[in-house]
């Protein structure tokens, strides 16, 4: 796709503390200024986890810093 960015965020601590038996790739569509913070490397997955609600999966406790102009 034109203008596509492949931003990858990893939780390195999780690979150290836990045995990872399955891996999944997911995409998130962001519409606000949070994408600028993510592109600037201002995000953390340290305390994040995923949970199912019905047939959808949600990420909880992911930290995206407020974008500063």
C-alpha atoms as a PDB file:
ATOM      1  CA  UNK A   1       0.000   0.000   0.000  1.00  0.00           C
ATOM      2  CA  UNK A   2       1.138   3.504  -0.698  1.00  0.00           C
ATOM      3  CA  UNK A   3       2.340   5.306   2.441  1.00  0.00           C
ATOM      4  CA  UNK A   4       2.232   2.118   4.511  1.00  0.00           C
ATOM      5  CA  UNK A   5       4.401   2.108   7.629  1.00  0.00           C
ATOM      6  CA  UNK A   6       5.554  -1.082   9.268  1.00  0.00           C
ATOM      7  CA  UNK A   7       5.850  -0.061  12.896  1.00  0.00           C
ATOM      8  CA  UNK A   8       6.657  -3.002  15.133  1.00  0.00           C
ATOM      9  CA  UNK A   9       6.472  -2.844  18.912  1.00  0.00           C
ATOM     10  CA  UNK A  10       7.822  -5.718  20.995  1.00  0.00           C
ATOM     11  CA  UNK A  11       7.730  -6.523  24.686  1.00  0.00           C
ATOM     12  CA  UNK A  12      11.265  -7.838  25.212  1.00  0.00           C
ATOM     13  CA  UNK A  13      10.669  -8.411  28.924  1.00  0.00           C
ATOM     14  CA  UNK A  14       7.865 -10.886  28.151  1.00  0.00           C
ATOM     15  CA  UNK A  15      10.251 -13.046  26.110  1.00  0.00           C
ATOM     16  CA  UNK A  16      12.669 -13.079  29.040  1.00  0.00           C
ATOM     17  CA  UNK A  17      10.099 -13.852  31.754  1.00  0.00           C
ATOM     18  CA  UNK A  18       7.806 -16.265  29.903  1.00  0.00           C
ATOM     19  CA  UNK A  19       7.946 -19.161  27.496  1.00  0.00           C
ATOM     20  CA  UNK A  20       6.207 -18.024  24.315  1.00  0.00           C
ATOM     21  CA  UNK A  21       4.478 -21.017  22.741  1.00  0.00           C
ATOM     22  CA  UNK A  22       2.368 -19.232  20.108  1.00  0.00           C
ATOM     23  CA  UNK A  23       2.739 -15.938  18.269  1.00  0.00           C
ATOM     24  CA  UNK A  24       0.109 -13.840  16.544  1.00  0.00           C
ATOM     25  CA  UNK A  25       0.387 -10.730  14.434  1.00  0.00           C
ATOM     26  CA  UNK A  26      -2.258  -8.050  14.815  1.00  0.00           C
ATOM     27  CA  UNK A  27      -2.887  -4.633  13.392  1.00  0.00           C
ATOM     28  CA  UNK A  28      -4.413  -1.605  15.022  1.00  0.00           C
ATOM     29  CA  UNK A  29      -5.981   1.329  13.242  1.00  0.00           C
ATOM     30  CA  UNK A  30      -5.234   4.607  14.985  1.00  0.00           C
ATOM     31  CA  UNK A  31      -6.842   7.854  13.903  1.00  0.00           C
ATOM     32  CA  UNK A  32      -5.515  10.544  16.230  1.00  0.00           C
ATOM     33  CA  UNK A  33      -2.194  11.986  17.306  1.00  0.00           C
ATOM     34  CA  UNK A  34      -1.277   8.737  19.103  1.00  0.00           C
ATOM     35  CA  UNK A  35       0.250   7.433  15.863  1.00  0.00           C
ATOM     36  CA  UNK A  36       2.775  10.275  15.977  1.00  0.00           C
ATOM     37  CA  UNK A  37       3.806   9.225  19.487  1.00  0.00           C
ATOM     38  CA  UNK A  38       4.132   5.596  18.381  1.00  0.00           C
ATOM     39  CA  UNK A  39       6.231   6.555  15.358  1.00  0.00           C
ATOM     40  CA  UNK A  40       8.414   8.568  17.751  1.00  0.00           C
ATOM     41  CA  UNK A  41       8.965   5.461  19.904  1.00  0.00           C
ATOM     42  CA  UNK A  42       6.921   6.820  22.819  1.00  0.00           C
ATOM     43  CA  UNK A  43       5.013   3.664  23.697  1.00  0.00           C
ATOM     44  CA  UNK A  44       5.347   0.830  26.190  1.00  0.00           C
ATOM     45  CA  UNK A  45       3.950  -2.695  26.344  1.00  0.00           C
ATOM     46  CA  UNK A  46       5.565  -3.542  29.692  1.00  0.00           C
ATOM     47  CA  UNK A  47       2.284  -3.854  31.627  1.00  0.00           C
ATOM     48  CA  UNK A  48       0.054  -4.587  28.614  1.00  0.00           C
ATOM     49  CA  UNK A  49      -2.054  -7.679  28.072  1.00  0.00           C
ATOM     50  CA  UNK A  50      -4.838  -8.767  25.728  1.00  0.00           C
ATOM     51  CA  UNK A  51      -8.305  -9.921  26.632  1.00  0.00           C
ATOM     52  CA  UNK A  52     -11.208 -11.298  24.603  1.00  0.00           C
ATOM     53  CA  UNK A  53     -14.616  -9.632  24.728  1.00  0.00           C
ATOM     54  CA  UNK A  54     -16.982 -11.744  22.685  1.00  0.00           C
ATOM     55  CA  UNK A  55     -15.191 -12.409  19.396  1.00  0.00           C
ATOM     56  CA  UNK A  56     -12.985  -9.316  19.608  1.00  0.00           C
ATOM     57  CA  UNK A  57      -9.631  -8.899  21.308  1.00  0.00           C
ATOM     58  CA  UNK A  58      -8.645  -5.783  23.211  1.00  0.00           C
ATOM     59  CA  UNK A  59      -5.272  -4.610  24.483  1.00  0.00           C
ATOM     60  CA  UNK A  60      -5.247  -3.296  28.034  1.00  0.00           C
ATOM     61  CA  UNK A  61      -2.660  -1.167  29.884  1.00  0.00           C
ATOM     62  CA  UNK A  62      -0.689  -0.224  26.782  1.00  0.00           C
ATOM     63  CA  UNK A  63       0.966   3.132  27.364  1.00  0.00           C
ATOM     64  CA  UNK A  64       1.080   5.647  24.504  1.00  0.00           C
ATOM     65  CA  UNK A  65       2.618   8.937  25.572  1.00  0.00           C
ATOM     66  CA  UNK A  66       0.750  12.145  24.828  1.00  0.00           C
ATOM     67  CA  UNK A  67       2.004  13.735  21.621  1.00  0.00           C
ATOM     68  CA  UNK A  68       3.811  16.996  22.172  1.00  0.00           C
ATOM     69  CA  UNK A  69       4.084  19.539  19.375  1.00  0.00           C
END
